[in-house]
Amino acid sequence: MKGIVLFVIFTILTFNVMAQEKIIQTAGRDQLGEFAPKFAELNDDVLFGEVWSRNDLLSLRDRSMVTITSLISQGITDSSLKFHLQSAKDNGITRSEIAEIITHIAFYAGWPKAWAAFRLAKDVWAEDVVPGNSSEGNAATEKIPERMTSEMAAQENEATGKEASENETAGEEAMAAFQKEMIFPIGEPNTAYAQYFSGRSYIARLSTEQIPFCNVTFEPGCRNNWHIHRASSGGGQMLVGVAGRGWYQEEGKPAQEILPGTVIHIPANVKHWHGAASDSWFAHLAFEIPGEDSSNEWLEPVDDNETGGSL
């Protein structure tokens, strides 16, 4: 009898410890500790350390669903949503469940927002998709009459086209407003290197003599892939922040914020990336430092997990 009592007590204590497991988060202090220490403290210690850690009242799985729903409903489909989608997967939400969750959200938040969320969700749950196995999707489609499917597709295309037009107009207005913040031109779309950028960027070549340099502009959330400026001697690059807010990160080191006037010295043969903050246009001057056997090596896109998911 005593053994049973001890077992029950141990089980209860174990359950309480597991149910109240504290979430450790350091992204706030890593990225904003010096610039906004109070915000960093609230993010790490209150939002995650207290609210997310109250999993005895609401499970991590349920909190992930609430967070995802809130972000998608607001149209926030950037790296922060992808970060929380990955957290949702880690907290036990399956591929079929996230598909149903986003589908449900679509009827309340809007079809285009759901489309944008699905693009991120497919990347996060990519390894869970069985190639050629579409029976689950076909079964769901068969339940919808063909007429309704056509009407839904028409509504989706109309809504998507309208939102795309509105977004394009808003983007042009935002870019025009950003141009007024700096003396250098935004330039032309950076089509030559578009494949190495996540998002739209623009380039204005300001000098091709002595020390070549240009002004590079990034739309909010745009950044280039990891890359290396190779050189056997000399070489490298120097960045000078011109307008807006951006980030620079070397492999294995925390991301560094770039503001107007910030100077970044990038040594040759160092893996790095740079780009705009998720909520700000950004422009910097890029100076190519002369060197021997100079070349650029473009690598993989930046993984949000490497940045903390909130830049």
Protein backbone atom coordinates (compact mmCIF):
# COMPACT_ATOMS: atom_id res chain seq x y z
CA MET A 1 0.00 0.00 0.00
CA LYS A 2 2.81 2.39 0.91
CA GLY A 3 4.48 1.64 -2.43
CA ILE A 4 1.32 2.57 -4.33
CA VAL A 5 1.02 5.87 -2.42
CA LEU A 6 4.64 6.76 -3.16
CA PHE A 7 4.14 5.91 -6.83
CA VAL A 8 1.06 8.17 -7.05
CA ILE A 9 2.90 11.04 -5.32
CA PHE A 10 5.88 10.65 -7.65
CA THR A 11 3.58 10.59 -10.69
CA ILE A 12 1.80 13.79 -9.57
CA LEU A 13 5.07 15.61 -8.90
CA THR A 14 6.49 14.49 -12.23
CA PHE A 15 3.36 15.65 -14.07
CA ASN A 16 3.48 19.07 -12.37
CA VAL A 17 7.13 19.55 -13.28
CA MET A 18 6.46 18.58 -16.90
CA ALA A 19 3.29 20.66 -17.09
CA GLN A 20 5.07 23.77 -15.86
CA GLU A 21 8.23 23.37 -17.92
CA LYS A 22 9.84 26.80 -18.34
CA ILE A 23 10.51 28.02 -21.87
CA ILE A 24 14.01 29.45 -22.33
CA GLN A 25 14.27 32.20 -24.95
CA THR A 26 17.29 34.44 -25.59
CA ALA A 27 16.47 35.99 -28.99
CA GLY A 28 15.45 39.29 -27.40
CA ARG A 29 18.71 39.80 -25.54
CA ASP A 30 20.81 38.40 -28.39
CA GLN A 31 19.38 40.83 -30.94
CA LEU A 32 18.08 43.82 -28.95
CA GLY A 33 19.81 43.55 -25.58
CA GLU A 34 21.86 46.70 -26.04
CA PHE A 35 19.42 48.71 -28.18
CA ALA A 36 16.18 47.96 -26.30
CA PRO A 37 17.01 46.09 -23.07
CA LYS A 38 13.52 46.43 -21.56
CA PHE A 39 11.85 45.07 -24.70
CA ALA A 40 14.37 42.23 -24.76
CA GLU A 41 13.60 41.46 -21.12
CA LEU A 42 9.82 41.44 -21.74
CA ASN A 43 10.25 39.24 -24.82
CA ASP A 44 12.49 36.64 -23.17
CA ASP A 45 11.37 36.67 -19.54
CA VAL A 46 7.68 37.60 -19.70
CA LEU A 47 6.34 36.52 -23.11
CA PHE A 48 8.28 33.26 -23.25
CA GLY A 49 9.51 32.84 -19.69
CA GLU A 50 6.05 33.38 -18.13
CA VAL A 51 3.20 33.38 -20.67
CA TRP A 52 4.45 30.57 -22.92
CA SER A 53 5.65 28.68 -19.84
CA ARG A 54 2.14 28.50 -18.34
CA ASN A 55 1.65 25.23 -20.19
CA ASP A 56 -0.18 23.76 -17.21
CA LEU A 57 -3.06 26.10 -18.15
CA LEU A 58 -2.70 25.94 -21.94
CA SER A 59 -0.43 23.49 -23.72
CA LEU A 60 2.42 24.58 -25.98
CA ARG A 61 0.54 22.96 -28.84
CA ASP A 62 -2.56 25.08 -28.19
CA ARG A 63 -0.49 28.24 -27.71
CA SER A 64 1.13 27.60 -31.09
CA MET A 65 -2.31 27.35 -32.72
CA VAL A 66 -3.41 30.63 -31.09
CA THR A 67 -0.21 32.41 -32.16
CA ILE A 68 -0.37 31.13 -35.75
CA THR A 69 -4.02 32.16 -36.05
CA SER A 70 -3.24 35.65 -34.76
CA LEU A 71 -0.29 36.20 -37.11
CA ILE A 72 -2.10 34.94 -40.22
CA SER A 73 -5.21 36.99 -39.39
CA GLN A 74 -3.07 40.13 -39.28
CA GLY A 75 -1.41 39.26 -42.58
CA ILE A 76 1.98 38.71 -40.94
CA THR A 77 3.48 36.07 -43.19
CA ASP A 78 7.17 36.84 -42.85
CA SER A 79 9.97 35.08 -40.96
CA SER A 80 8.15 35.44 -37.64
CA LEU A 81 5.28 33.26 -38.89
CA LYS A 82 7.72 30.69 -40.23
CA PHE A 83 9.45 30.65 -36.83
CA HIS A 84 6.13 29.95 -35.09
CA LEU A 85 5.12 27.36 -37.69
CA GLN A 86 8.35 25.50 -36.93
CA SER A 87 7.58 25.82 -33.21
CA ALA A 88 4.08 24.44 -33.87
CA LYS A 89 5.57 21.44 -35.62
CA ASP A 90 7.98 20.92 -32.72
CA ASN A 91 5.01 21.17 -30.34
CA GLY A 92 3.23 18.30 -32.06
CA ILE A 93 1.04 19.83 -34.79
CA THR A 94 1.05 17.52 -37.81
CA ARG A 95 1.02 18.32 -41.52
CA SER A 96 -2.65 17.39 -41.93
CA GLU A 97 -3.58 19.43 -38.84
CA ILE A 98 -1.79 22.59 -39.97
CA ALA A 99 -3.43 22.25 -43.40
CA GLU A 100 -6.85 22.09 -41.73
CA ILE A 101 -6.03 24.96 -39.34
CA ILE A 102 -4.98 27.31 -42.17
CA THR A 103 -7.97 26.26 -44.28
CA HIS A 104 -10.27 27.13 -41.38
CA ILE A 105 -8.52 30.48 -40.87
CA ALA A 106 -8.96 31.29 -44.59
CA PHE A 107 -12.73 31.68 -44.23
CA TYR A 108 -12.35 34.25 -41.45
CA ALA A 109 -9.07 36.03 -42.26
CA GLY A 110 -9.07 35.92 -46.06
CA TRP A 111 -8.04 33.57 -48.86
CA PRO A 112 -4.81 35.40 -49.93
CA LYS A 113 -3.51 35.36 -46.34
CA ALA A 114 -4.05 31.60 -46.23
CA TRP A 115 -2.22 31.15 -49.52
CA ALA A 116 0.76 33.07 -48.16
CA ALA A 117 0.73 30.98 -44.96
CA PHE A 118 0.52 27.72 -46.91
CA ARG A 119 3.68 28.60 -48.84
CA LEU A 120 5.61 28.82 -45.55
CA ALA A 121 3.89 25.78 -44.02
CA LYS A 122 4.81 23.61 -47.02
CA ASP A 123 8.49 24.40 -46.38
CA VAL A 124 8.27 23.64 -42.66
CA TRP A 125 6.42 20.32 -43.13
CA ALA A 126 8.17 19.45 -46.42
CA GLU A 127 9.85 16.35 -45.03
CA ASP A 128 6.45 14.99 -43.92
CA VAL A 129 5.00 15.00 -47.46
CA VAL A 130 5.06 11.64 -49.22
CA PRO A 131 5.88 12.18 -52.94
CA GLY A 132 3.03 11.14 -55.21
CA ASN A 133 0.62 10.58 -52.31
CA SER A 134 -2.22 13.02 -52.88
CA SER A 135 -5.08 10.82 -51.68
CA GLU A 136 -5.67 13.01 -48.64
CA GLY A 137 -5.99 16.15 -50.74
CA ASN A 138 -8.13 14.40 -53.34
CA ALA A 139 -10.50 13.09 -50.71
CA ALA A 140 -11.06 16.59 -49.38
CA THR A 141 -11.62 17.97 -52.88
CA GLU A 142 -14.14 15.30 -53.78
CA LYS A 143 -16.43 16.51 -51.01
CA ILE A 144 -16.77 19.95 -52.63
CA PRO A 145 -19.17 20.22 -55.60
CA GLU A 146 -17.47 21.24 -58.84
CA ARG A 147 -19.54 24.44 -59.07
CA MET A 148 -18.41 25.50 -55.60
CA THR A 149 -14.81 24.68 -56.45
CA SER A 150 -14.99 26.91 -59.55
CA GLU A 151 -16.62 29.74 -57.61
CA MET A 152 -14.02 29.49 -54.85
CA ALA A 153 -11.22 29.55 -57.44
CA ALA A 154 -12.74 32.63 -59.11
CA GLN A 155 -13.10 34.37 -55.75
CA GLU A 156 -9.54 33.47 -54.86
CA ASN A 157 -8.18 34.80 -58.16
CA GLU A 158 -10.18 38.01 -57.83
CA ALA A 159 -9.10 38.53 -54.22
CA THR A 160 -5.50 37.64 -54.99
CA GLY A 161 -5.40 39.99 -57.97
CA LYS A 162 -6.99 42.82 -56.00
CA GLU A 163 -4.63 42.36 -53.07
CA ALA A 164 -1.62 42.08 -55.39
CA SER A 165 -2.61 45.36 -57.05
CA GLU A 166 -3.12 47.05 -53.70
CA ASN A 167 0.19 45.68 -52.40
CA GLU A 168 2.01 46.84 -55.52
CA THR A 169 0.59 50.37 -55.16
CA ALA A 170 1.43 50.44 -51.45
CA GLY A 171 4.92 49.14 -52.23
CA GLU A 172 5.53 51.84 -54.83
CA GLU A 173 4.35 54.52 -52.40
CA ALA A 174 6.56 53.14 -49.64
CA MET A 175 9.56 53.03 -51.98
CA ALA A 176 8.93 56.63 -53.09
CA ALA A 177 8.73 57.72 -49.45
CA PHE A 178 11.95 55.85 -48.69
CA GLN A 179 13.73 57.57 -51.59
CA LYS A 180 13.08 60.90 -49.86
CA GLU A 181 15.03 59.68 -46.81
CA MET A 182 18.37 59.43 -48.64
CA ILE A 183 20.46 61.38 -51.09
CA PHE A 184 21.49 58.38 -53.21
CA PRO A 185 19.16 56.95 -55.86
CA ILE A 186 17.42 53.62 -55.31
CA GLY A 187 18.36 52.58 -58.82
CA GLU A 188 17.04 49.72 -60.92
CA PRO A 189 15.75 46.27 -59.91
CA ASN A 190 18.68 44.01 -59.08
CA THR A 191 17.70 41.39 -61.64
CA ALA A 192 21.23 40.10 -62.25
CA TYR A 193 21.48 38.79 -58.68
CA ALA A 194 17.78 38.30 -57.92
CA GLN A 195 18.27 34.55 -57.52
CA TYR A 196 20.52 35.20 -54.52
CA PHE A 197 18.05 37.50 -52.72
CA SER A 198 14.90 36.63 -50.78
CA GLY A 199 12.68 39.54 -51.78
CA ARG A 200 13.15 42.53 -54.05
CA SER A 201 16.36 44.55 -54.12
CA TYR A 202 17.56 47.49 -56.18
CA ILE A 203 21.02 48.70 -57.18
CA ALA A 204 22.44 52.05 -58.24
CA ARG A 205 26.08 51.93 -59.37
CA LEU A 206 27.61 55.18 -58.19
CA SER A 207 31.24 54.73 -59.26
CA THR A 208 33.20 52.30 -61.42
CA GLU A 209 36.56 54.09 -61.06
CA GLN A 210 39.22 53.98 -58.33
CA ILE A 211 37.12 52.18 -55.69
CA PRO A 212 33.90 50.85 -57.25
CA PHE A 213 30.82 51.21 -55.05
CA CYS A 214 27.07 51.18 -55.34
CA ASN A 215 23.92 51.86 -53.35
CA VAL A 216 21.90 48.70 -52.63
CA THR A 217 18.28 49.01 -51.47
CA PHE A 218 16.25 46.20 -49.88
CA GLU A 219 12.48 46.05 -49.42
CA PRO A 220 11.35 45.07 -45.88
CA GLY A 221 12.43 41.53 -45.04
CA CYS A 222 14.65 41.16 -48.10
CA ARG A 223 18.14 39.80 -47.54
CA ASN A 224 20.80 38.13 -49.62
CA ASN A 225 21.99 34.55 -49.30
CA TRP A 226 25.01 33.56 -47.31
CA HIS A 227 28.02 34.45 -49.44
CA ILE A 228 31.80 34.87 -49.34
CA HIS A 229 34.04 37.47 -50.98
CA ARG A 230 37.01 35.32 -51.95
CA ALA A 231 40.54 36.71 -52.33
CA SER A 232 44.05 35.33 -51.97
CA SER A 233 45.13 38.69 -50.49
CA GLY A 234 43.32 41.95 -49.77
CA GLY A 235 39.72 41.97 -50.92
CA GLY A 236 36.54 41.93 -48.89
CA GLN A 237 33.80 44.53 -48.72
CA MET A 238 32.76 47.57 -46.69
CA LEU A 239 29.15 48.55 -46.04
CA VAL A 240 27.90 51.96 -44.90
CA GLY A 241 24.30 52.30 -43.74
CA VAL A 242 22.46 55.01 -45.67
CA ALA A 243 18.78 54.86 -44.65
CA GLY A 244 16.32 52.58 -42.89
CA ARG A 245 17.31 49.64 -40.70
CA GLY A 246 19.06 46.41 -41.62
CA TRP A 247 21.15 43.53 -40.35
CA TYR A 248 24.56 42.00 -40.97
CA GLN A 249 25.66 38.61 -39.69
CA GLU A 250 28.83 36.56 -39.94
CA GLU A 251 28.61 32.80 -39.60
CA GLY A 252 28.73 31.74 -35.97
CA LYS A 253 28.16 35.27 -34.62
CA PRO A 254 25.05 37.24 -33.54
CA ALA A 255 23.40 39.47 -36.13
CA GLN A 256 24.49 43.12 -36.00
CA GLU A 257 22.04 45.96 -36.61
CA ILE A 258 22.87 48.48 -39.34
CA LEU A 259 21.54 52.04 -39.06
CA PRO A 260 22.40 55.17 -41.10
CA GLY A 261 26.09 55.84 -40.54
CA THR A 262 26.94 52.31 -39.37
CA VAL A 263 30.15 51.04 -41.00
CA ILE A 264 30.62 47.29 -41.49
CA HIS A 265 34.05 45.92 -42.46
CA ILE A 266 33.73 42.48 -44.06
CA PRO A 267 37.04 40.60 -44.34
CA ALA A 268 37.74 38.44 -47.35
CA ASN A 269 36.86 34.73 -47.10
CA VAL A 270 34.25 35.24 -44.34
CA LYS A 271 30.77 33.73 -44.76
CA HIS A 272 28.07 36.34 -44.11
CA TRP A 273 24.75 37.88 -45.20
CA HIS A 274 23.06 41.29 -44.96
CA GLY A 275 19.64 42.74 -45.65
CA ALA A 276 16.64 44.70 -44.39
CA ALA A 277 14.80 44.33 -41.10
CA SER A 278 11.39 42.72 -41.47
CA ASP A 279 9.59 46.03 -40.82
CA SER A 280 11.81 48.55 -42.62
CA TRP A 281 13.20 49.48 -46.01
CA PHE A 282 16.99 49.56 -45.92
CA ALA A 283 19.83 50.90 -48.05
CA HIS A 284 23.59 50.68 -47.72
CA LEU A 285 26.61 51.65 -49.78
CA ALA A 286 28.72 48.65 -50.80
CA PHE A 287 32.43 49.25 -51.45
CA GLU A 288 34.39 46.49 -53.18
CA ILE A 289 37.87 46.33 -51.65
CA PRO A 290 40.61 45.61 -54.23
CA GLY A 291 42.31 42.24 -53.86
CA GLU A 292 44.04 39.48 -55.77
CA ASP A 293 42.07 36.59 -57.26
CA SER A 294 38.82 38.23 -56.14
CA SER A 295 35.48 36.49 -56.67
CA ASN A 296 32.09 36.12 -55.02
CA GLU A 297 30.81 32.74 -53.87
CA TRP A 298 27.02 32.62 -53.41
CA LEU A 299 25.71 30.00 -51.01
CA GLU A 300 22.42 28.84 -49.45
CA PRO A 301 19.56 31.14 -48.31
CA VAL A 302 19.55 32.22 -44.68
CA ASP A 303 17.61 29.91 -42.36
CA ASP A 304 15.32 31.83 -39.97
CA ASN A 305 16.44 29.54 -37.15
CA GLU A 306 19.95 30.95 -37.56
CA THR A 307 18.67 34.48 -36.90
CA GLY A 308 16.22 33.71 -34.07
CA GLY A 309 13.29 34.20 -36.45
CA SER A 310 12.52 37.78 -35.43
CA LEU A 311 14.89 40.13 -37.32
